[in-house]
Amino acid sequence: MRIVFLLTLFISAFSLQGLAQDQLAEYKRAKTLMGYGNYADAMESFRPYMDSNKFGGLSNYASYHFAWSAYQNGQYVLAQTILKNISEQTSWAKKDETRYLLALAYFQEGKNIEALEEIGKIRSPEIKKQAENASYNFLQNVSVSFLMGNIRKFNDNKGFMLALKEKMEKQTIMTNEERAVYNQIKDIQTGGNQESSKESKNPQALDIAVILPFNYAGGTGVTNLGNGNFVFELYQGLEFAAKELKKSGLKLNIRTFDTERNLSKVQNILADPYLKQADIIIGPIYPDETEYVMAFAERNSIPFINPLSNVDDKMQGTNFSYLFRPSINSLSESIIQFSRKNNTGKRIAIAYSNTTRDELLAKNLGEKAQKNGFTVIRNQKVAGREIIDLFDQIQLKFDSAARADMVVVLSDDPNTASLVFGFMESQNIKTPVMVLDSWLFFNFANYEMLTSQNFRFIGNNTIRFDSKNLEGFRENFYKTYTNYPAFNTHLGYELMHWVAGTINPQKGFDFRKNLDAAGFNTGKITYGFDFNRQNNNTHVPVLRMVNGILEEN
């Protein structure tokens, strides 16, 4: 089993009283951007604080966070340069964290010797353990000869030795030297047993751990959560569905934890004994928190589900980590398949927002389009009225004479959606415009009134508005809370029903096996799921409005 490492972030521990608040504002913003996964913007915001002459000790922390963001952004050589510089400073108190991240950057570049040498310098037992797990992960594809040739130098690295053991076990023939080494290391535990075994499990109950950042804007407790708190809305759906399931006879245990957007709190949550007896973990959401929980889930063979994200780049190769929604790749694949089947032209224009999801999706879609014989006329980041400028550049108002045969707008921003809708409302354009299904929930858009029904909605666990189950859910929710459920409440409701329908005392608790056996499943209030041999929902319908009713295209 693959062992997933986690990166340890730390907060500046020295006094900042000597710096003016306006000087620190951009630094705090950089940390927020980093926490949200906007690594490129975070790097630019950290850069000015890397000047030691101006910011003293803060510059080392800024440099580390800059390097961490560069690593997450795939800029491994840049990360190495920064990390080597601060690791050599005698006054730097976080040398072990720096060496660990530097080792990871070396591993990513295939510089295994350099990485292992850095790990050998680490003194902290906790960080050493994480680094050894990373060693095991990155050495999966190296040769036995490399491992045997370096065994004397790195035999104190447990991950190195475990990788060697498993490599040897796959060989049909061993040399005498290899067999002698194998006999000495054959009792090393396999990857799946690196952590203590799972706590005792009651086979007659479904145990769920919910880990969410209820106080994502700061604070503690749930009594003062404001209206519009999207995390609380999600939880309301989970809780409402859980009550329904219990009434139906399912024995269901749920414990809820608030991360408070605090990584130390996440670590404390993972130390709770309930986590190891849980059958599944729902949440958290933000990238820095999910890395901790994902690593825990992989070590303890417990399925973990990110309930809202489409970004799965950190999940590649994992065995127990899932997205409830479609991944970037699944979304772009659906767009390409739609284009191939429904458009006579081969020219695509792509507009996208500055969020991590939309930037990655635009890049993936552009690459897929070119591989499938399409010409990408524009692949452009837009904000505000720049979307209208893009429409002018591709001459969209001329419709059949436009430079693009299809337009894809990747953004959940209601301001962008309003501008696009207004443009379409003022024109009679038949060119297909593909947008995310979140646009269906913007109250300014009355799509059925458009002269040309050229909008196509990309499914992202889309709510099925003609579902009788949806009608019943909304009515019962209103009776309970005297208001109708928010969008994320619908997702939470569907998520809980999907989990309980996949693992339970009757079907057993092997999440992966049950998903593969189920294939495509109709949803309770959505268009359904297909997780067969995948870690995300690969059922991505493209929808259109026909006589005021959504239909699959």
Protein backbone atom coordinates (compact mmCIF):
# COMPACT_ATOMS: atom_id res chain seq x y z
CA MET A 1 0.00 0.00 0.00
CA ARG A 2 1.19 3.51 -0.84
CA ILE A 3 2.31 5.58 2.14
CA VAL A 4 1.39 9.25 1.75
CA PHE A 5 3.55 11.90 3.33
CA LEU A 6 2.26 15.17 4.71
CA LEU A 7 3.92 18.54 4.67
CA THR A 8 4.19 20.35 7.97
CA LEU A 9 3.48 24.05 7.89
CA PHE A 10 4.28 26.20 10.84
CA ILE A 11 3.35 29.64 12.03
CA SER A 12 5.90 32.30 12.82
CA ALA A 13 6.79 31.96 16.48
CA PHE A 14 8.67 35.17 17.04
CA SER A 15 7.39 38.62 17.94
CA LEU A 16 6.04 40.78 15.14
CA GLN A 17 5.40 43.80 17.32
CA GLY A 18 8.12 45.79 15.62
CA LEU A 19 6.31 45.71 12.29
CA ALA A 20 3.43 47.97 11.36
CA GLN A 21 0.07 46.35 10.69
CA ASP A 22 0.02 47.58 7.10
CA GLN A 23 3.39 45.90 6.54
CA LEU A 24 1.98 42.59 7.74
CA ALA A 25 -1.31 42.78 5.84
CA GLU A 26 0.11 41.37 2.61
CA TYR A 27 2.04 38.69 4.53
CA LYS A 28 -1.17 37.51 6.19
CA ARG A 29 -2.92 37.59 2.83
CA ALA A 30 -0.13 35.42 1.38
CA LYS A 31 -0.69 32.79 4.07
CA THR A 32 -4.42 32.85 3.34
CA LEU A 33 -3.79 32.38 -0.39
CA MET A 34 -1.45 29.50 0.38
CA GLY A 35 -4.05 27.85 2.64
CA TYR A 36 -6.65 28.12 -0.12
CA GLY A 37 -4.30 26.54 -2.68
CA ASN A 38 -3.63 29.71 -4.73
CA TYR A 39 0.10 29.01 -4.74
CA ALA A 40 1.23 31.27 -7.59
CA ASP A 41 -0.41 34.34 -6.06
CA ALA A 42 0.88 33.35 -2.61
CA MET A 43 4.45 33.23 -3.92
CA GLU A 44 4.24 36.75 -5.31
CA SER A 45 2.84 38.02 -2.01
CA PHE A 46 5.57 36.30 0.05
CA ARG A 47 8.41 37.53 -2.18
CA PRO A 48 8.90 41.04 -0.69
CA TYR A 49 9.15 39.57 2.84
CA MET A 50 12.12 37.39 1.87
CA ASP A 51 14.44 40.41 2.26
CA SER A 52 16.30 39.80 5.53
CA ASN A 53 17.57 43.39 5.67
CA LYS A 54 14.00 44.70 5.89
CA PHE A 55 12.22 41.93 7.75
CA GLY A 56 14.87 40.11 9.76
CA GLY A 57 13.75 36.73 11.10
CA LEU A 58 10.40 36.95 9.31
CA SER A 59 12.26 36.60 6.00
CA ASN A 60 13.16 32.98 6.77
CA TYR A 61 9.53 32.06 7.38
CA ALA A 62 8.48 33.91 4.24
CA SER A 63 11.18 32.06 2.30
CA TYR A 64 10.02 28.70 3.62
CA HIS A 65 6.38 29.42 2.78
CA PHE A 66 7.46 30.70 -0.65
CA ALA A 67 9.36 27.43 -1.24
CA TRP A 68 6.42 25.34 0.01
CA SER A 69 4.09 27.16 -2.40
CA ALA A 70 6.62 26.68 -5.23
CA TYR A 71 6.74 22.97 -4.43
CA GLN A 72 2.94 22.71 -4.52
CA ASN A 73 2.99 24.65 -7.80
CA GLY A 74 5.40 22.12 -9.36
CA GLN A 75 8.40 24.50 -9.36
CA TYR A 76 10.76 22.05 -7.70
CA VAL A 77 14.09 23.56 -8.77
CA LEU A 78 13.04 26.99 -7.49
CA ALA A 79 11.97 25.40 -4.19
CA GLN A 80 15.37 23.68 -3.90
CA THR A 81 17.25 26.94 -4.40
CA ILE A 82 15.33 28.76 -1.68
CA LEU A 83 15.43 25.86 0.78
CA LYS A 84 19.16 25.25 0.42
CA ASN A 85 19.78 28.89 1.24
CA ILE A 86 17.75 28.99 4.47
CA SER A 87 18.86 25.51 5.62
CA GLU A 88 22.45 26.76 5.78
CA GLN A 89 21.61 29.62 8.16
CA THR A 90 22.71 28.79 11.68
CA SER A 91 20.00 30.95 13.27
CA TRP A 92 17.16 29.16 11.46
CA ALA A 93 15.17 27.14 14.00
CA LYS A 94 13.21 25.05 11.50
CA LYS A 95 16.05 23.18 9.83
CA ASP A 96 14.37 19.77 10.00
CA GLU A 97 11.18 20.99 8.32
CA THR A 98 13.31 22.67 5.67
CA ARG A 99 15.39 19.54 5.05
CA TYR A 100 12.22 17.47 4.73
CA LEU A 101 10.71 19.77 2.13
CA LEU A 102 14.05 20.00 0.31
CA ALA A 103 14.19 16.20 0.22
CA LEU A 104 10.71 16.08 -1.31
CA ALA A 105 11.74 18.59 -3.97
CA TYR A 106 14.79 16.45 -4.78
CA PHE A 107 12.62 13.33 -4.99
CA GLN A 108 10.28 15.04 -7.43
CA GLU A 109 13.26 15.76 -9.70
CA GLY A 110 14.53 12.18 -9.46
CA LYS A 111 17.53 13.23 -7.36
CA ASN A 112 17.13 10.32 -4.96
CA ILE A 113 20.65 10.37 -3.48
CA GLU A 114 20.41 14.06 -2.62
CA ALA A 115 16.96 13.52 -1.11
CA LEU A 116 18.08 10.62 1.05
CA GLU A 117 21.12 12.57 2.23
CA GLU A 118 18.89 15.44 3.39
CA ILE A 119 16.63 12.99 5.24
CA GLY A 120 19.69 11.59 6.99
CA LYS A 121 20.32 15.03 8.52
CA ILE A 122 16.86 15.26 10.12
CA ARG A 123 16.84 14.96 13.93
CA SER A 124 13.16 15.33 14.88
CA PRO A 125 11.62 11.82 15.29
CA GLU A 126 8.22 12.97 14.03
CA ILE A 127 9.58 14.66 10.91
CA LYS A 128 12.00 11.76 10.39
CA LYS A 129 9.05 9.37 10.31
CA GLN A 130 7.25 11.49 7.72
CA ALA A 131 10.44 11.65 5.64
CA GLU A 132 10.85 7.85 5.79
CA ASN A 133 7.26 7.43 4.62
CA ALA A 134 8.09 9.76 1.72
CA SER A 135 11.21 7.71 0.97
CA TYR A 136 9.08 4.59 0.65
CA ASN A 137 6.66 6.41 -1.64
CA PHE A 138 9.25 7.86 -4.02
CA LEU A 139 11.45 4.75 -4.21
CA GLN A 140 8.68 2.51 -5.52
CA ASN A 141 9.93 2.72 -9.09
CA VAL A 142 13.71 2.61 -8.63
CA SER A 143 15.69 -0.52 -9.39
CA VAL A 144 16.83 -3.14 -6.90
CA SER A 145 20.38 -2.48 -8.02
CA PHE A 146 20.10 1.19 -6.97
CA LEU A 147 18.76 0.20 -3.56
CA MET A 148 21.34 -2.55 -3.05
CA GLY A 149 24.12 -0.20 -4.12
CA ASN A 150 23.15 2.35 -1.47
CA ILE A 151 22.02 0.10 1.37
CA ARG A 152 25.08 0.72 3.54
CA LYS A 153 24.62 4.47 3.30
CA PHE A 154 20.87 4.59 3.96
CA ASN A 155 20.05 1.45 5.94
CA ASP A 156 18.77 3.52 8.87
CA ASN A 157 15.95 4.86 6.67
CA LYS A 158 12.99 2.51 7.28
CA GLY A 159 11.18 3.66 4.16
CA PHE A 160 14.26 2.90 2.05
CA MET A 161 14.54 -0.58 3.56
CA LEU A 162 10.82 -1.32 3.15
CA ALA A 163 10.98 -0.31 -0.52
CA LEU A 164 13.94 -2.66 -0.99
CA LYS A 165 12.13 -5.54 0.75
CA GLU A 166 9.03 -5.18 -1.41
CA LYS A 167 11.12 -4.91 -4.58
CA MET A 168 12.90 -8.13 -3.69
CA GLU A 169 9.64 -9.94 -3.04
CA LYS A 170 8.55 -9.20 -6.61
CA GLN A 171 11.65 -10.84 -8.08
CA THR A 172 11.51 -14.47 -9.16
CA ILE A 173 15.27 -14.90 -8.74
CA MET A 174 17.63 -13.38 -6.15
CA THR A 175 21.40 -13.33 -6.10
CA ASN A 176 23.13 -14.75 -3.05
CA GLU A 177 23.88 -11.23 -1.81
CA GLU A 178 20.25 -10.15 -2.30
CA ARG A 179 18.94 -13.23 -0.49
CA ALA A 180 21.26 -12.58 2.46
CA VAL A 181 20.01 -9.00 2.71
CA TYR A 182 16.39 -10.11 2.31
CA ASN A 183 16.68 -12.56 5.19
CA GLN A 184 17.76 -9.70 7.42
CA ILE A 185 14.93 -7.33 6.43
CA LYS A 186 12.02 -9.69 5.63
CA ASP A 187 10.27 -9.00 8.95
CA ILE A 188 9.88 -5.27 8.24
CA GLN A 189 6.16 -4.42 8.22
CA THR A 190 4.45 -3.82 4.90
CA GLY A 191 3.27 -0.36 3.93
CA GLY A 192 -0.30 -0.95 5.04
CA ASN A 193 0.77 -1.78 8.61
CA GLN A 194 3.04 1.13 9.34
CA GLU A 195 0.52 2.48 11.81
CA SER A 196 -1.20 0.65 14.60
CA SER A 197 -4.05 -1.58 13.48
CA LYS A 198 -7.56 -0.21 13.20
CA GLU A 199 -9.54 0.00 16.40
CA SER A 200 -12.20 -2.62 17.07
CA LYS A 201 -15.18 -2.20 14.79
CA ASN A 202 -18.88 -2.82 15.44
CA PRO A 203 -20.06 -4.61 12.26
CA GLN A 204 -23.68 -3.68 12.96
CA ALA A 205 -23.17 0.09 12.78
CA LEU A 206 -21.87 2.62 10.27
CA ASP A 207 -19.38 4.94 12.00
CA ILE A 208 -18.70 8.26 10.27
CA ALA A 209 -16.27 11.03 11.23
CA VAL A 210 -17.07 14.49 9.87
CA ILE A 211 -14.12 16.91 9.92
CA LEU A 212 -15.03 20.36 8.61
CA PRO A 213 -13.77 23.96 9.00
CA PHE A 214 -16.98 25.39 10.44
CA ASN A 215 -15.08 28.46 11.62
CA TYR A 216 -13.19 29.00 8.37
CA ALA A 217 -13.21 32.76 9.00
CA GLY A 218 -11.89 32.44 12.56
CA GLY A 219 -13.45 31.80 15.95
CA THR A 220 -14.53 28.68 17.80
CA GLY A 221 -17.79 26.87 18.54
CA VAL A 222 -20.93 26.68 16.44
CA THR A 223 -23.28 29.01 18.32
CA ASN A 224 -22.17 32.11 16.42
CA LEU A 225 -21.92 30.75 12.89
CA GLY A 226 -23.29 33.40 10.55
CA ASN A 227 -25.93 33.06 7.87
CA GLY A 228 -24.46 31.88 4.60
CA ASN A 229 -21.74 29.78 6.23
CA PHE A 230 -21.29 27.29 3.38
CA VAL A 231 -19.70 24.67 5.66
CA PHE A 232 -22.60 24.75 8.09
CA GLU A 233 -24.99 24.49 5.13
CA LEU A 234 -23.16 21.38 3.96
CA TYR A 235 -23.35 19.91 7.45
CA GLN A 236 -27.09 20.62 7.68
CA GLY A 237 -27.59 18.37 4.66
CA LEU A 238 -25.41 15.63 6.15
CA GLU A 239 -27.28 15.79 9.44
CA PHE A 240 -30.76 15.87 7.83
CA ALA A 241 -29.97 12.79 5.74
CA ALA A 242 -28.50 11.01 8.79
CA LYS A 243 -31.75 11.50 10.70
CA GLU A 244 -33.69 10.02 7.77
CA LEU A 245 -31.38 7.02 7.60
CA LYS A 246 -31.68 6.37 11.32
CA LYS A 247 -35.47 6.47 11.05
CA SER A 248 -35.24 3.88 8.25
CA GLY A 249 -33.45 1.50 10.64
CA LEU A 250 -29.78 2.06 9.87
CA LYS A 251 -27.59 2.13 12.96
CA LEU A 252 -25.48 5.19 12.30
CA ASN A 253 -22.91 6.90 14.53
CA ILE A 254 -21.55 10.32 13.60
CA ARG A 255 -19.00 12.47 15.38
CA THR A 256 -18.31 15.96 14.13
CA PHE A 257 -15.06 17.92 14.52
CA ASP A 258 -14.30 21.57 13.75
CA THR A 259 -10.80 22.21 12.36
CA GLU A 260 -11.14 25.98 12.98
CA ARG A 261 -8.68 26.39 10.05
CA ASN A 262 -5.92 25.45 12.47
CA LEU A 263 -3.45 22.71 11.53
CA SER A 264 -2.62 22.01 15.17
CA LYS A 265 -6.32 21.41 15.77
CA VAL A 266 -6.38 18.99 12.83
CA GLN A 267 -3.54 17.01 14.39
CA ASN A 268 -5.41 16.86 17.70
CA ILE A 269 -8.55 15.65 15.93
CA LEU A 270 -6.63 12.83 14.26
CA ALA A 271 -5.40 11.70 17.67
CA ASP A 272 -8.99 11.07 18.80
CA PRO A 273 -9.56 7.27 19.12
CA TYR A 274 -12.87 7.53 17.25
CA LEU A 275 -11.02 8.34 14.04
CA LYS A 276 -9.40 4.90 13.88
CA GLN A 277 -12.68 3.08 14.37
CA ALA A 278 -14.51 5.19 11.76
CA ASP A 279 -15.64 3.46 8.58
CA ILE A 280 -15.26 6.66 6.59
CA ILE A 281 -14.07 10.27 7.05
CA ILE A 282 -15.94 13.15 5.41
CA GLY A 283 -13.90 16.35 5.06
CA PRO A 284 -12.04 18.55 5.48
CA ILE A 285 -12.06 20.82 2.41
CA TYR A 286 -9.00 23.08 2.24
CA PRO A 287 -5.77 21.67 0.72
CA ASP A 288 -3.48 22.11 3.73
CA GLU A 289 -5.95 20.35 6.06
CA THR A 290 -6.82 17.58 3.61
CA GLU A 291 -3.14 16.59 3.30
CA TYR A 292 -3.06 15.72 7.00
CA VAL A 293 -6.31 13.77 6.88
CA MET A 294 -5.44 12.07 3.61
CA ALA A 295 -2.15 10.85 5.05
CA PHE A 296 -3.94 9.55 8.14
CA ALA A 297 -6.57 7.82 6.02
CA GLU A 298 -3.98 6.10 3.84
CA ARG A 299 -1.96 4.89 6.83
CA ASN A 300 -5.04 3.48 8.54
CA SER A 301 -6.90 2.17 5.47
CA ILE A 302 -9.94 4.38 6.10
CA PRO A 303 -11.74 6.01 3.13
CA PHE A 304 -11.55 9.80 3.15
CA ILE A 305 -13.87 11.97 1.04
CA ASN A 306 -13.38 15.61 0.13
CA PRO A 307 -17.02 16.73 -0.18
CA LEU A 308 -16.65 19.81 -2.38
CA SER A 309 -13.37 19.91 -4.31
CA ASN A 310 -12.71 18.94 -7.93
CA VAL A 311 -8.92 19.08 -7.52
CA ASP A 312 -7.33 15.66 -7.09
CA ASP A 313 -3.67 16.31 -7.97
CA LYS A 314 -2.54 15.28 -4.46
CA MET A 315 -4.65 12.10 -4.59
CA GLN A 316 -2.89 10.48 -7.52
CA GLY A 317 -1.87 6.92 -6.63
CA THR A 318 -3.70 6.86 -3.30
CA ASN A 319 -5.91 3.95 -2.29
CA PHE A 320 -8.35 5.50 0.20
CA SER A 321 -8.81 9.13 -0.86
CA TYR A 322 -11.83 10.30 -2.86
CA LEU A 323 -13.56 13.32 -4.29
CA PHE A 324 -17.35 13.31 -3.97
CA ARG A 325 -17.54 15.43 -7.11
CA PRO A 326 -15.90 14.92 -10.53
CA SER A 327 -12.18 15.56 -10.83
CA ILE A 328 -10.57 18.10 -13.17
CA ASN A 329 -9.89 15.29 -15.63
CA SER A 330 -13.46 13.95 -15.51
CA LEU A 331 -14.91 17.42 -16.12
CA SER A 332 -12.65 18.15 -19.09
CA GLU A 333 -13.23 14.68 -20.56
CA SER A 334 -16.99 15.29 -20.51
CA ILE A 335 -16.59 18.66 -22.26
CA ILE A 336 -14.45 17.08 -25.00
CA GLN A 337 -16.87 14.19 -25.51
CA PHE A 338 -19.77 16.64 -25.82
CA SER A 339 -17.81 18.71 -28.34
CA ARG A 340 -16.97 15.71 -30.46
CA LYS A 341 -20.57 14.49 -30.60
CA ASN A 342 -22.48 17.76 -30.94
CA ASN A 343 -20.37 20.33 -32.76
CA THR A 344 -19.51 20.42 -36.44
CA GLY A 345 -16.66 22.87 -35.89
CA LYS A 346 -13.30 22.32 -34.22
CA ARG A 347 -12.58 25.75 -32.73
CA ILE A 348 -12.90 26.28 -28.97
CA ALA A 349 -12.50 29.42 -26.87
CA ILE A 350 -11.90 28.98 -23.13
CA ALA A 351 -12.33 31.63 -20.45
CA TYR A 352 -11.51 30.91 -16.81
CA SER A 353 -11.33 32.60 -13.41
CA ASN A 354 -8.27 32.88 -11.17
CA THR A 355 -9.25 30.04 -8.80
CA THR A 356 -7.01 26.99 -8.62
CA ARG A 357 -9.79 24.71 -9.87
CA ASP A 358 -10.58 26.83 -12.90
CA GLU A 359 -6.94 27.42 -13.84
CA LEU A 360 -6.16 23.68 -13.68
CA LEU A 361 -9.35 22.81 -15.56
CA ALA A 362 -8.60 25.32 -18.32
CA LYS A 363 -5.08 23.92 -18.74
CA ASN A 364 -6.29 20.31 -18.77
CA LEU A 365 -9.11 21.11 -21.19
CA GLY A 366 -6.80 22.99 -23.54
CA GLU A 367 -4.37 20.07 -23.67
CA LYS A 368 -7.16 17.54 -24.23
CA ALA A 369 -8.74 19.66 -26.93
CA GLN A 370 -5.51 19.85 -28.91
CA LYS A 371 -4.91 16.10 -28.58
CA ASN A 372 -8.41 15.51 -29.95
CA GLY A 373 -7.92 17.67 -33.02
CA PHE A 374 -9.52 20.90 -31.79
CA THR A 375 -8.03 24.35 -32.25
CA VAL A 376 -7.98 26.42 -29.06
CA ILE A 377 -8.67 29.96 -30.28
CA ARG A 378 -8.35 31.48 -26.81
CA ASN A 379 -7.51 30.09 -23.39
CA GLN A 380 -7.67 33.21 -21.28
CA LYS A 381 -8.04 34.19 -17.62
CA VAL A 382 -10.81 36.76 -17.20
CA ALA A 383 -12.13 39.01 -14.46
CA GLY A 384 -14.94 41.54 -14.62
CA ARG A 385 -15.71 42.84 -18.09
CA GLU A 386 -12.74 41.02 -19.59
CA ILE A 387 -15.17 38.25 -20.49
CA ILE A 388 -17.00 40.68 -22.82
CA ASP A 389 -13.64 41.72 -24.32
CA LEU A 390 -12.95 38.06 -25.05
CA PHE A 391 -16.33 37.71 -26.76
CA ASP A 392 -15.45 40.71 -28.91
CA GLN A 393 -12.05 39.23 -29.79
CA ILE A 394 -13.63 36.01 -31.05
CA GLN A 395 -16.45 38.02 -32.73
CA LEU A 396 -19.09 35.99 -30.95
CA LYS A 397 -21.91 38.39 -31.73
CA PHE A 398 -21.59 37.44 -35.39
CA ASP A 399 -22.63 33.90 -34.40
CA SER A 400 -22.08 31.67 -37.47
CA ALA A 401 -19.23 33.97 -38.56
CA ALA A 402 -17.60 33.89 -35.12
CA ARG A 403 -14.03 32.67 -34.77
CA ALA A 404 -15.07 29.95 -32.28
CA ASP A 405 -17.54 27.08 -32.71
CA MET A 406 -17.94 26.69 -28.95
CA VAL A 407 -17.18 28.80 -25.88
CA VAL A 408 -16.38 27.36 -22.46
CA VAL A 409 -16.60 29.67 -19.42
CA LEU A 410 -15.04 28.15 -16.30
CA SER A 411 -16.08 30.30 -13.37
CA ASP A 412 -18.45 30.22 -10.40
CA ASP A 413 -18.32 34.01 -10.09
CA PRO A 414 -21.87 35.44 -10.23
CA ASN A 415 -20.50 38.73 -11.63
CA THR A 416 -19.00 36.91 -14.60
CA ALA A 417 -22.17 34.90 -15.02
CA SER A 418 -24.29 38.07 -14.98
CA LEU A 419 -22.19 39.67 -17.71
CA VAL A 420 -22.32 36.55 -19.89
CA PHE A 421 -26.06 36.13 -19.41
CA GLY A 422 -26.66 39.80 -20.23
CA PHE A 423 -24.60 39.49 -23.40
CA MET A 424 -26.53 36.41 -24.54
CA GLU A 425 -29.84 38.03 -23.66
CA SER A 426 -29.05 40.99 -25.92
CA GLN A 427 -27.93 38.82 -28.83
CA ASN A 428 -29.50 35.97 -30.79
CA ILE A 429 -26.54 33.59 -30.68
CA LYS A 430 -26.69 29.88 -31.40
CA THR A 431 -23.01 29.15 -30.69
CA PRO A 432 -22.93 26.73 -27.69
CA VAL A 433 -21.69 28.29 -24.47
CA MET A 434 -20.68 25.72 -21.84
CA VAL A 435 -20.76 26.83 -18.20
CA LEU A 436 -20.61 25.12 -14.81
CA ASP A 437 -23.89 23.96 -13.27
CA SER A 438 -23.50 26.50 -10.44
CA TRP A 439 -24.94 29.04 -12.90
CA LEU A 440 -28.32 27.35 -12.55
CA PHE A 441 -28.58 28.73 -9.01
CA PHE A 442 -27.96 32.41 -9.84
CA ASN A 443 -31.27 34.17 -9.27
CA PHE A 444 -30.75 36.77 -12.01
CA ALA A 445 -30.68 34.17 -14.78
CA ASN A 446 -33.97 33.15 -16.44
CA TYR A 447 -32.58 30.80 -19.08
CA GLU A 448 -35.91 29.65 -20.51
CA MET A 449 -36.61 33.23 -21.65
CA LEU A 450 -33.58 33.30 -23.95
CA THR A 451 -34.38 33.31 -27.67
CA SER A 452 -31.63 30.80 -28.35
CA GLN A 453 -31.10 28.04 -25.82
CA ASN A 454 -27.34 27.96 -26.40
CA PHE A 455 -26.24 27.44 -22.77
CA ARG A 456 -24.94 23.99 -21.86
CA PHE A 457 -24.39 23.18 -18.17
CA ILE A 458 -21.48 20.96 -17.11
CA GLY A 459 -22.61 18.50 -14.45
CA ASN A 460 -20.80 18.73 -11.12
CA ASN A 461 -23.09 16.51 -9.01
CA THR A 462 -25.98 18.54 -10.40
CA ILE A 463 -29.26 18.62 -8.51
CA ARG A 464 -32.05 16.89 -10.46
CA PHE A 465 -34.87 19.41 -10.28
CA ASP A 466 -37.55 17.01 -11.54
CA SER A 467 -36.82 14.44 -8.82
CA LYS A 468 -39.67 13.47 -6.48
CA ASN A 469 -37.05 12.77 -3.83
CA LEU A 470 -35.87 16.37 -4.16
CA GLU A 471 -39.40 17.67 -3.68
CA GLY A 472 -39.81 15.54 -0.54
CA PHE A 473 -36.46 16.63 0.88
CA ARG A 474 -37.16 20.33 0.36
CA GLU A 475 -40.64 20.12 1.87
CA ASN A 476 -39.47 18.19 4.93
CA PHE A 477 -36.51 20.54 5.40
CA TYR A 478 -38.85 23.54 5.27
CA LYS A 479 -41.14 21.98 7.87
CA THR A 480 -38.15 21.56 10.18
CA TYR A 481 -36.30 24.85 9.67
CA THR A 482 -38.97 27.15 8.08
CA ASN A 483 -36.64 27.86 5.17
CA TYR A 484 -35.56 25.92 2.11
CA PRO A 485 -32.14 24.21 1.93
CA ALA A 486 -29.16 26.07 0.47
CA PHE A 487 -27.22 24.65 -2.47
CA ASN A 488 -24.51 23.06 -0.29
CA THR A 489 -27.20 21.56 1.94
CA HIS A 490 -28.40 19.59 -1.08
CA LEU A 491 -24.85 18.29 -1.63
CA GLY A 492 -24.49 17.25 2.02
CA TYR A 493 -27.83 15.45 1.90
CA GLU A 494 -26.84 13.55 -1.24
CA LEU A 495 -23.37 12.75 0.12
CA MET A 496 -24.70 11.11 3.27
CA HIS A 497 -27.21 8.99 1.35
CA TRP A 498 -24.51 7.94 -1.14
CA VAL A 499 -22.11 6.90 1.65
CA ALA A 500 -24.78 4.95 3.55
CA GLY A 501 -25.89 3.28 0.32
CA THR A 502 -22.35 2.19 -0.46
CA ILE A 503 -21.20 0.81 2.92
CA ASN A 504 -23.51 -0.53 5.60
CA PRO A 505 -23.97 -3.69 7.69
CA GLN A 506 -25.80 -5.43 4.86
CA LYS A 507 -23.35 -4.69 2.02
CA GLY A 508 -20.21 -4.69 4.16
CA PHE A 509 -17.68 -1.93 4.77
CA ASP A 510 -15.21 -2.39 1.88
CA PHE A 511 -15.78 0.99 0.24
CA ARG A 512 -13.60 0.39 -2.82
CA LYS A 513 -15.00 -3.07 -3.53
CA ASN A 514 -18.60 -1.88 -3.20
CA LEU A 515 -18.02 1.12 -5.48
CA ASP A 516 -16.56 -1.08 -8.20
CA ALA A 517 -19.40 -3.60 -7.87
CA ALA A 518 -22.05 -0.87 -8.08
CA GLY A 519 -20.84 0.76 -11.30
CA PHE A 520 -23.28 3.54 -12.17
CA ASN A 521 -25.75 4.41 -9.42
CA THR A 522 -28.69 6.79 -9.66
CA GLY A 523 -28.54 9.55 -7.09
CA LYS A 524 -31.08 10.35 -4.44
CA ILE A 525 -31.50 13.92 -5.73
CA THR A 526 -28.75 14.18 -8.39
CA TYR A 527 -28.06 12.65 -11.80
CA GLY A 528 -26.03 9.83 -10.29
CA PHE A 529 -22.55 8.48 -9.64
CA ASP A 530 -19.94 6.28 -11.25
CA PHE A 531 -16.84 5.57 -9.16
CA ASN A 532 -15.94 2.29 -10.85
CA ARG A 533 -12.13 1.99 -10.52
CA GLN A 534 -11.91 5.76 -9.96
CA ASN A 535 -11.52 8.05 -6.96
CA ASN A 536 -14.05 10.62 -8.20
CA ASN A 537 -17.50 10.77 -9.76
CA THR A 538 -16.91 10.18 -13.46
CA HIS A 539 -20.58 10.67 -14.37
CA VAL A 540 -20.56 14.21 -15.75
CA PRO A 541 -23.73 14.88 -17.76
CA VAL A 542 -23.98 17.93 -19.98
CA LEU A 543 -27.41 19.53 -19.53
CA ARG A 544 -29.51 21.96 -21.51
CA MET A 545 -32.79 23.78 -20.97
CA VAL A 546 -35.70 22.50 -23.05
CA ASN A 547 -39.09 24.16 -22.53
CA GLY A 548 -38.05 25.22 -19.04
CA ILE A 549 -36.87 21.73 -18.07
CA LEU A 550 -33.29 20.53 -17.73
CA GLU A 551 -32.44 17.56 -19.93
CA GLU A 552 -29.27 15.57 -20.48
CA ASN A 553 -27.84 16.57 -23.83
